[in-house]
Amino acid sequence: MSRFKHQMGMAKLRVRGMAKVTYVAVLRALGLNIQRVAAYRAAIG
């Protein structure tokens, strides 16, 4: 969660409202997972 909060910028959001915050959180979580998969694939060759 710390990595999600700081690396993906979840500490301060520029949106207001629960629906918008949820949408941004889902997109950023997806982005973090894509980064993790890319790093894993690069590590295993």
Protein backbone atom coordinates (compact mmCIF):
# COMPACT_ATOMS: atom_id res chain seq x y z
CA MET A 1 0.00 0.00 0.00
CA SER A 2 2.88 2.36 0.70
CA ARG A 3 4.19 1.90 -2.82
CA PHE A 4 0.71 2.45 -4.23
CA LYS A 5 0.27 5.59 -2.16
CA HIS A 6 3.60 7.25 -2.93
CA GLN A 7 4.70 5.91 -6.30
CA MET A 8 1.30 6.24 -7.92
CA GLY A 9 0.46 9.57 -6.31
CA MET A 10 -2.49 8.46 -4.22
CA ALA A 11 -1.42 10.62 -1.26
CA LYS A 12 -2.99 13.68 -2.87
CA LEU A 13 -5.67 13.37 -5.50
CA ARG A 14 -6.87 16.17 -7.73
CA VAL A 15 -10.41 14.84 -7.96
CA ARG A 16 -13.40 15.14 -5.66
CA GLY A 17 -16.23 12.71 -5.06
CA MET A 18 -16.29 9.03 -4.25
CA ALA A 19 -16.99 7.86 -7.80
CA LYS A 20 -14.08 9.84 -9.25
CA VAL A 21 -11.70 8.79 -6.49
CA THR A 22 -12.64 5.14 -7.03
CA TYR A 23 -12.10 5.48 -10.78
CA VAL A 24 -8.67 7.06 -10.31
CA ALA A 25 -7.66 4.44 -7.72
CA VAL A 26 -8.62 1.57 -10.03
CA LEU A 27 -6.70 3.04 -12.96
CA ARG A 28 -3.62 3.68 -10.86
CA ALA A 29 -3.74 0.18 -9.36
CA LEU A 30 -3.94 -1.20 -12.87
CA GLY A 31 -0.93 0.91 -13.86
CA LEU A 32 1.08 -0.32 -10.88
CA ASN A 33 0.26 -3.94 -11.75
CA ILE A 34 1.32 -3.38 -15.36
CA GLN A 35 4.63 -1.94 -14.14
CA ARG A 36 5.15 -4.94 -11.86
CA VAL A 37 4.46 -7.41 -14.67
CA ALA A 38 6.81 -5.56 -17.01
CA ALA A 39 9.58 -5.59 -14.38
CA TYR A 40 9.01 -9.31 -13.75
CA ARG A 41 9.12 -10.14 -17.44
CA ALA A 42 12.30 -8.11 -17.90
CA ALA A 43 13.92 -9.90 -14.94
CA ILE A 44 13.18 -13.40 -16.24
CA GLY A 45 14.21 -12.55 -19.76
